[in-house]
Amino acid sequence: MTPEERRVVDGSTWRDFCRDLEAAGQVVFSDRTPVSPLDRAEGLRYLTRLLRAGLDSFVESSDPCHPRFFQLSNETIKIGNDNPDNIYHNARVSSAYEYRIVGKRGTVPYLTFGSKGGGYESDGTMTPTGQLNLENMEFAPDGSFEISVARERKSGNWLPLEDASNAIIVRQTFEHREREEPASYRIECLNPDAGDSLRPEAIGPALKSATDFVGMTASLFVDWMGKFEMHTNALPPNDQEMCHRAGGDANIYYHNSRWRLAPNEALVIEATPPECATWNLQIGNFWMESLDYRYHRVHLNKFTADVASDGSVKIVLAHRDPGSSWPNWLETCDHSEGAMLFRYVGAKEYPAIRTEVVRFEDLEGR
């Protein structure tokens, strides 16, 4: 029996996992985070969500010889101002192998496949190493497609890998989610050299990667919220390289920020978006999780917002409904502060976004 196997057998590996998880969660209780019961309760739920994502990524789906698509972000796992208009999928890969993705197009208007290096669990980044966009893809008449994923260029649809590549992120962005059919796809390794059985010596490092993912991810976005403090209730452009290193899409221009409102205040947001595939505005909690878009109106996009004849849009964030004169009302869902993000997708110009905090009673007639 090897030392690693002995640690598995005697319970040391499990005890290390539990201690590492406890340490990873301490960021929720730091002096950099809000102390309200709601914010701290959401922080605890956030840790459990990150743990679910980390275990799926590093324990259930970590074998690059037998990859599968899973979700690091969905309706109940939310990371880094996740987009309510999106479906996200992830797969763990290695540049030592070649892969094939096969699927059906569906009707979703925006679809990208990106290869990434690094990871939140290691250096806090997800560095872009290749991207394939919908407009550059080839489809069969029935909407089916095939993508080669490899270091060497391939004919047809090709997603590049580099030495550092270890993951794939797929983004599908909807205009009206309920009206459109998502794309479907699966991935397989073409030259696997290992079986898919669990190796006892691998479970310890896998669990350590999962707890590192919890701690590093939570710390990263608490750090971001600290940076955004200097422009609370404003939406200036971000350092785009920072956003892309964190796993952002190269076709998206980001305005991440934070909001904070007293009970009698509202935040008015005005923009004239440029020609683009879409834009959207979303709000989230302090942990940079989108608020629950299944049950509340917490985001709007180019196709769901009430837009003026000149192309401008006026949105209000308020604790209660300001009435029919404000059709673009976003709910705070009992929060007094949180994250927000205005994104342009596929734009060539990035006009400024105007914001103003006003008294709720002064919204009438604006």
Protein backbone atom coordinates (compact mmCIF):
# COMPACT_ATOMS: atom_id res chain seq x y z
CA MET A 1 0.00 0.00 0.00
CA THR A 2 1.41 3.38 -1.01
CA PRO A 3 1.41 6.36 1.40
CA GLU A 4 -1.35 7.98 -0.67
CA GLU A 5 -3.46 4.83 -0.48
CA ARG A 6 -2.87 4.58 3.26
CA ARG A 7 -4.16 8.14 3.77
CA VAL A 8 -7.31 7.25 1.84
CA VAL A 9 -7.87 4.11 3.92
CA ASP A 10 -7.26 5.65 7.35
CA GLY A 11 -9.39 8.75 6.72
CA SER A 12 -6.59 11.32 6.56
CA THR A 13 -7.58 12.38 3.05
CA TRP A 14 -11.15 13.04 4.18
CA ARG A 15 -10.07 14.97 7.28
CA ASP A 16 -7.75 17.13 5.16
CA PHE A 17 -10.65 17.87 2.80
CA CYS A 18 -12.90 18.96 5.66
CA ARG A 19 -10.21 21.20 7.17
CA ASP A 20 -9.37 22.71 3.78
CA LEU A 21 -13.04 23.45 3.14
CA GLU A 22 -13.39 25.17 6.51
CA ALA A 23 -10.37 27.36 5.73
CA ALA A 24 -11.64 28.15 2.22
CA GLY A 25 -14.89 29.49 3.62
CA GLN A 26 -13.31 32.04 5.94
CA VAL A 27 -13.42 34.71 3.21
CA VAL A 28 -17.19 34.96 3.77
CA PHE A 29 -16.56 36.12 7.35
CA SER A 30 -13.76 38.59 6.63
CA ASP A 31 -13.95 42.31 7.35
CA ARG A 32 -14.28 42.90 3.57
CA THR A 33 -17.80 41.49 3.40
CA PRO A 34 -21.19 42.79 4.59
CA VAL A 35 -22.40 41.61 7.98
CA SER A 36 -26.17 41.62 7.42
CA PRO A 37 -27.87 38.25 8.08
CA LEU A 38 -29.07 38.10 4.45
CA ASP A 39 -25.62 38.75 2.98
CA ARG A 40 -23.94 36.23 5.27
CA ALA A 41 -26.64 33.61 4.64
CA GLU A 42 -26.15 34.08 0.91
CA GLY A 43 -22.41 33.78 1.51
CA LEU A 44 -22.91 30.38 3.13
CA ARG A 45 -25.11 29.27 0.25
CA TYR A 46 -22.47 30.61 -2.16
CA LEU A 47 -19.85 28.35 -0.55
CA THR A 48 -22.08 25.30 -0.98
CA ARG A 49 -22.68 26.23 -4.61
CA LEU A 50 -18.98 26.66 -5.28
CA LEU A 51 -18.31 23.31 -3.62
CA ARG A 52 -20.87 21.61 -5.87
CA ALA A 53 -19.18 23.16 -8.89
CA GLY A 54 -15.70 22.26 -7.66
CA LEU A 55 -16.58 18.63 -6.96
CA ASP A 56 -18.23 18.26 -10.37
CA SER A 57 -15.21 19.80 -12.09
CA PHE A 58 -12.35 18.07 -10.24
CA VAL A 59 -13.81 14.84 -8.93
CA GLU A 60 -16.56 13.82 -11.36
CA SER A 61 -15.33 15.44 -14.60
CA SER A 62 -11.57 15.86 -14.31
CA ASP A 63 -10.36 13.05 -16.59
CA PRO A 64 -9.17 14.64 -19.88
CA CYS A 65 -9.30 11.21 -21.55
CA HIS A 66 -13.02 10.91 -20.79
CA PRO A 67 -14.40 14.48 -20.79
CA ARG A 68 -18.00 15.51 -20.33
CA PHE A 69 -19.83 18.81 -20.41
CA PHE A 70 -20.98 20.03 -17.00
CA GLN A 71 -22.06 23.40 -15.61
CA LEU A 72 -19.90 25.56 -13.38
CA SER A 73 -22.73 28.10 -13.54
CA ASN A 74 -26.47 27.64 -13.89
CA GLU A 75 -29.72 28.67 -12.20
CA THR A 76 -28.48 27.57 -8.76
CA ILE A 77 -24.70 27.88 -9.13
CA LYS A 78 -23.67 31.46 -9.87
CA ILE A 79 -20.17 32.83 -10.38
CA GLY A 80 -18.74 36.24 -11.29
CA ASN A 81 -21.87 38.09 -12.49
CA ASP A 82 -23.14 35.09 -14.44
CA ASN A 83 -25.41 36.14 -17.32
CA PRO A 84 -29.12 35.28 -16.84
CA ASP A 85 -29.45 35.19 -20.65
CA ASN A 86 -26.84 32.41 -20.92
CA ILE A 87 -26.47 28.67 -20.78
CA TYR A 88 -22.89 27.80 -19.79
CA HIS A 89 -21.11 24.46 -20.20
CA ASN A 90 -17.58 23.44 -19.23
CA ALA A 91 -15.33 20.49 -20.01
CA ARG A 92 -11.90 19.52 -18.68
CA VAL A 93 -9.36 18.77 -21.44
CA SER A 94 -5.61 18.57 -22.03
CA SER A 95 -3.49 19.74 -24.95
CA ALA A 96 -1.89 16.28 -24.92
CA TYR A 97 -5.03 14.91 -26.58
CA GLU A 98 -7.38 15.65 -29.46
CA TYR A 99 -11.14 15.91 -29.14
CA ARG A 100 -14.31 15.99 -31.19
CA ILE A 101 -17.45 17.92 -30.29
CA VAL A 102 -20.62 16.97 -32.16
CA GLY A 103 -23.98 18.64 -31.78
CA LYS A 104 -27.07 20.34 -33.16
CA ARG A 105 -27.33 24.06 -33.83
CA GLY A 106 -30.73 24.80 -32.29
CA THR A 107 -31.99 28.38 -32.74
CA VAL A 108 -29.99 30.20 -30.05
CA PRO A 109 -28.63 33.40 -31.68
CA TYR A 110 -25.22 33.48 -29.96
CA LEU A 111 -22.90 30.51 -29.45
CA THR A 112 -19.16 30.39 -28.70
CA PHE A 113 -16.68 27.67 -27.81
CA GLY A 114 -13.55 28.84 -25.98
CA SER A 115 -10.48 26.96 -24.76
CA LYS A 116 -8.89 28.22 -21.53
CA GLY A 117 -5.76 27.75 -19.45
CA GLY A 118 -5.18 28.15 -15.73
CA GLY A 119 -8.20 28.16 -13.46
CA TYR A 120 -9.64 29.81 -10.37
CA GLU A 121 -8.32 26.91 -8.29
CA SER A 122 -4.69 27.57 -9.33
CA ASP A 123 -3.72 31.12 -10.28
CA GLY A 124 -7.14 32.80 -10.19
CA THR A 125 -7.35 33.19 -13.97
CA MET A 126 -8.89 31.42 -16.95
CA THR A 127 -6.60 32.58 -19.75
CA PRO A 128 -8.04 32.45 -23.31
CA THR A 129 -6.18 29.99 -25.57
CA GLY A 130 -8.62 29.74 -28.49
CA GLN A 131 -12.15 30.61 -29.57
CA LEU A 132 -14.66 29.53 -32.20
CA ASN A 133 -17.69 31.74 -32.82
CA LEU A 134 -21.07 30.88 -34.32
CA GLU A 135 -20.55 33.08 -37.39
CA ASN A 136 -17.37 31.19 -38.28
CA MET A 137 -18.86 27.71 -37.93
CA GLU A 138 -19.98 25.31 -40.65
CA PHE A 139 -23.28 23.40 -40.27
CA ALA A 140 -24.94 20.58 -42.15
CA PRO A 141 -28.40 21.26 -43.65
CA ASP A 142 -30.05 19.67 -40.60
CA GLY A 143 -28.13 21.99 -38.23
CA SER A 144 -25.67 19.37 -37.05
CA PHE A 145 -22.02 20.29 -36.59
CA GLU A 146 -18.66 18.82 -35.67
CA ILE A 147 -15.72 20.66 -34.08
CA SER A 148 -12.12 19.45 -33.94
CA VAL A 149 -10.36 20.46 -30.72
CA ALA A 150 -6.59 20.16 -31.09
CA ARG A 151 -3.24 21.94 -31.09
CA GLU A 152 -2.74 21.46 -34.83
CA ARG A 153 -5.04 23.27 -37.25
CA LYS A 154 -7.83 21.12 -38.65
CA SER A 155 -10.10 21.58 -41.66
CA GLY A 156 -13.67 22.67 -40.97
CA ASN A 157 -14.61 23.82 -37.49
CA TRP A 158 -11.48 23.98 -35.32
CA LEU A 159 -11.08 25.09 -31.70
CA PRO A 160 -7.38 25.63 -30.98
CA LEU A 161 -5.58 24.29 -27.93
CA GLU A 162 -2.27 25.56 -26.55
CA ASP A 163 0.19 24.03 -24.09
CA ALA A 164 -1.66 25.64 -21.18
CA SER A 165 -5.18 24.65 -22.31
CA ASN A 166 -7.05 22.62 -19.72
CA ALA A 167 -10.71 23.55 -20.14
CA ILE A 168 -13.43 24.49 -22.59
CA ILE A 169 -16.21 26.99 -21.89
CA VAL A 170 -19.33 27.11 -24.07
CA ARG A 171 -21.66 30.12 -23.97
CA GLN A 172 -25.14 30.24 -25.43
CA THR A 173 -26.86 33.64 -25.22
CA PHE A 174 -30.59 34.03 -25.76
CA GLU A 175 -32.71 36.97 -26.85
CA HIS A 176 -35.92 35.42 -25.46
CA ARG A 177 -34.96 32.23 -23.64
CA GLU A 178 -38.49 30.82 -23.66
CA ARG A 179 -38.81 31.15 -27.46
CA GLU A 180 -35.47 29.73 -28.60
CA GLU A 181 -34.05 26.24 -28.78
CA PRO A 182 -30.62 25.78 -27.18
CA ALA A 183 -27.81 24.03 -28.98
CA SER A 184 -26.95 20.51 -27.84
CA TYR A 185 -23.50 18.90 -27.96
CA ARG A 186 -21.21 16.26 -26.53
CA ILE A 187 -17.44 15.83 -26.45
CA GLU A 188 -15.16 12.81 -26.81
CA CYS A 189 -11.40 12.26 -26.68
CA LEU A 190 -10.04 10.75 -29.91
CA ASN A 191 -6.80 9.34 -28.52
CA PRO A 192 -7.29 8.39 -24.85
CA ASP A 193 -4.45 6.51 -23.18
CA ALA A 194 -6.02 5.79 -19.79
CA GLY A 195 -9.03 4.03 -18.38
CA ASP A 196 -11.87 5.82 -16.65
CA SER A 197 -11.64 4.06 -13.26
CA LEU A 198 -10.86 6.05 -10.12
CA ARG A 199 -7.25 5.83 -8.98
CA PRO A 200 -6.97 5.96 -5.16
CA GLU A 201 -3.94 8.25 -5.29
CA ALA A 202 -5.92 10.78 -7.35
CA ILE A 203 -8.80 11.43 -4.94
CA GLY A 204 -6.75 13.52 -2.49
CA PRO A 205 -5.46 16.00 -5.12
CA ALA A 206 -8.95 16.14 -6.68
CA LEU A 207 -10.54 17.09 -3.38
CA LYS A 208 -7.78 19.64 -2.74
CA SER A 209 -8.46 21.23 -6.14
CA ALA A 210 -12.16 21.44 -5.27
CA THR A 211 -11.54 23.27 -1.98
CA ASP A 212 -8.94 25.51 -3.64
CA PHE A 213 -11.60 26.36 -6.21
CA VAL A 214 -14.01 27.35 -3.44
CA GLY A 215 -11.53 29.59 -1.65
CA MET A 216 -9.86 31.14 -4.69
CA THR A 217 -13.14 31.86 -6.49
CA ALA A 218 -14.77 33.44 -3.46
CA SER A 219 -11.66 35.54 -2.74
CA LEU A 220 -11.31 36.67 -6.36
CA PHE A 221 -14.76 38.19 -6.56
CA VAL A 222 -14.66 39.67 -3.06
CA ASP A 223 -11.49 41.40 -4.30
CA TRP A 224 -13.37 42.64 -7.36
CA MET A 225 -16.18 44.05 -5.22
CA GLY A 226 -13.53 45.88 -3.20
CA LYS A 227 -12.20 47.45 -6.40
CA PHE A 228 -15.70 48.42 -7.51
CA GLU A 229 -16.29 50.31 -4.25
CA MET A 230 -14.63 53.36 -5.82
CA HIS A 231 -17.40 53.60 -8.44
CA THR A 232 -20.45 52.39 -6.51
CA ASN A 233 -23.68 53.21 -8.37
CA ALA A 234 -21.74 53.98 -11.57
CA LEU A 235 -20.97 51.79 -14.59
CA PRO A 236 -17.58 52.75 -16.03
CA PRO A 237 -15.81 50.33 -18.40
CA ASN A 238 -13.65 47.70 -16.74
CA ASP A 239 -10.12 46.59 -17.45
CA GLN A 240 -11.19 44.29 -20.28
CA GLU A 241 -8.06 42.16 -20.03
CA MET A 242 -8.89 41.50 -16.37
CA CYS A 243 -12.37 40.34 -17.37
CA HIS A 244 -11.09 38.10 -20.15
CA ARG A 245 -8.44 36.56 -17.86
CA ALA A 246 -11.26 35.65 -15.49
CA GLY A 247 -12.98 33.62 -18.22
CA GLY A 248 -14.84 36.40 -20.02
CA ASP A 249 -15.76 36.17 -23.71
CA ALA A 250 -13.51 38.05 -26.13
CA ASN A 251 -16.61 39.36 -27.96
CA ILE A 252 -18.03 41.01 -24.83
CA TYR A 253 -17.25 44.47 -23.47
CA TYR A 254 -17.78 44.62 -19.71
CA HIS A 255 -19.00 47.28 -17.28
CA ASN A 256 -18.87 45.43 -13.92
CA SER A 257 -19.65 47.48 -10.84
CA ARG A 258 -21.66 47.52 -7.61
CA TRP A 259 -24.75 49.28 -6.33
CA ARG A 260 -25.93 50.43 -2.91
CA LEU A 261 -29.29 52.04 -2.18
CA ALA A 262 -31.03 53.32 0.94
CA PRO A 263 -34.70 52.34 1.38
CA ASN A 264 -35.95 55.59 -0.18
CA GLU A 265 -33.44 55.67 -3.08
CA ALA A 266 -33.49 54.46 -6.68
CA LEU A 267 -30.73 54.13 -9.27
CA VAL A 268 -31.53 55.46 -12.75
CA ILE A 269 -29.40 53.98 -15.56
CA GLU A 270 -29.45 55.52 -19.04
CA ALA A 271 -27.66 54.32 -22.17
CA THR A 272 -27.83 54.48 -25.94
CA PRO A 273 -26.40 51.11 -26.95
CA PRO A 274 -24.51 50.86 -30.26
CA GLU A 275 -25.20 48.37 -33.02
CA CYS A 276 -24.42 44.98 -31.47
CA ALA A 277 -25.61 41.38 -31.27
CA THR A 278 -27.17 42.16 -27.91
CA TRP A 279 -26.61 44.04 -24.69
CA ASN A 280 -27.90 43.41 -21.23
CA LEU A 281 -27.94 44.78 -17.71
CA GLN A 282 -28.15 42.50 -14.70
CA ILE A 283 -27.98 42.94 -10.99
CA GLY A 284 -26.66 40.56 -8.36
CA ASN A 285 -25.85 40.23 -4.69
CA PHE A 286 -22.58 41.09 -2.96
CA TRP A 287 -21.08 37.72 -3.95
CA MET A 288 -21.48 38.63 -7.64
CA GLU A 289 -24.22 36.05 -8.09
CA SER A 290 -27.10 37.07 -10.36
CA LEU A 291 -30.28 37.43 -8.34
CA ASP A 292 -32.89 34.73 -8.90
CA TYR A 293 -34.01 35.42 -12.46
CA ARG A 294 -36.40 32.45 -12.36
CA TYR A 295 -38.81 34.39 -10.16
CA HIS A 296 -37.76 38.05 -10.27
CA ARG A 297 -37.04 40.67 -12.90
CA VAL A 298 -33.36 41.29 -12.32
CA HIS A 299 -32.08 41.73 -15.88
CA LEU A 300 -33.02 43.21 -19.25
CA ASN A 301 -31.52 42.89 -22.71
CA LYS A 302 -31.77 44.45 -26.17
CA PHE A 303 -34.89 42.43 -26.94
CA THR A 304 -36.75 42.48 -23.62
CA ALA A 305 -36.26 46.12 -22.59
CA ASP A 306 -38.62 48.96 -23.49
CA VAL A 307 -36.41 51.01 -25.85
CA ALA A 308 -37.15 54.59 -27.00
CA SER A 309 -37.53 55.46 -30.69
CA ASP A 310 -34.05 57.01 -30.71
CA GLY A 311 -32.50 53.75 -29.45
CA SER A 312 -31.94 54.96 -25.91
CA VAL A 313 -32.99 53.00 -22.86
CA LYS A 314 -33.76 54.10 -19.33
CA ILE A 315 -33.72 51.50 -16.54
CA VAL A 316 -34.42 51.94 -12.84
CA LEU A 317 -33.24 49.81 -9.94
CA ALA A 318 -35.57 50.30 -6.97
CA HIS A 319 -36.81 48.50 -3.89
CA ARG A 320 -40.44 48.73 -5.02
CA ASP A 321 -42.34 49.09 -8.28
CA PRO A 322 -42.24 52.71 -9.51
CA GLY A 323 -45.29 52.20 -11.70
CA SER A 324 -46.13 52.11 -15.39
CA SER A 325 -44.03 55.17 -16.24
CA TRP A 326 -40.97 52.98 -15.56
CA PRO A 327 -41.47 49.77 -17.59
CA ASN A 328 -37.76 48.90 -17.23
CA TRP A 329 -37.83 48.35 -13.47
CA LEU A 330 -35.38 45.88 -11.90
CA GLU A 331 -36.11 44.44 -8.46
CA THR A 332 -33.62 44.56 -5.58
CA CYS A 333 -35.19 41.46 -3.97
CA ASP A 334 -34.77 42.84 -0.42
CA HIS A 335 -31.08 43.62 -0.94
CA SER A 336 -29.55 46.97 -0.03
CA GLU A 337 -26.38 46.44 -2.09
CA GLY A 338 -24.84 44.10 -4.61
CA ALA A 339 -23.09 43.71 -7.95
CA MET A 340 -24.23 44.86 -11.38
CA LEU A 341 -23.00 44.45 -14.94
CA PHE A 342 -23.82 46.11 -18.25
CA ARG A 343 -22.34 44.16 -21.17
CA TYR A 344 -22.17 44.84 -24.91
CA VAL A 345 -21.92 41.69 -27.06
CA GLY A 346 -20.35 42.03 -30.50
CA ALA A 347 -20.18 45.83 -30.42
CA LYS A 348 -17.56 47.96 -32.18
CA GLU A 349 -18.29 51.07 -30.12
CA TYR A 350 -18.79 51.33 -26.36
CA PRO A 351 -20.71 54.49 -25.43
CA ALA A 352 -20.72 55.65 -21.83
CA ILE A 353 -23.51 54.60 -19.48
CA ARG A 354 -25.04 57.30 -17.31
CA THR A 355 -26.26 56.69 -13.76
CA GLU A 356 -27.89 58.79 -11.06
CA VAL A 357 -29.15 58.03 -7.56
CA VAL A 358 -32.46 59.80 -6.87
CA ARG A 359 -35.12 59.76 -4.21
CA PHE A 360 -37.79 57.20 -5.04
CA GLU A 361 -40.56 59.82 -4.85
CA ASP A 362 -38.68 61.94 -7.42
CA LEU A 363 -39.01 59.25 -10.10
CA GLU A 364 -42.48 60.51 -10.91
CA GLY A 365 -42.32 62.72 -13.98
CA ARG A 366 -38.69 62.02 -14.87
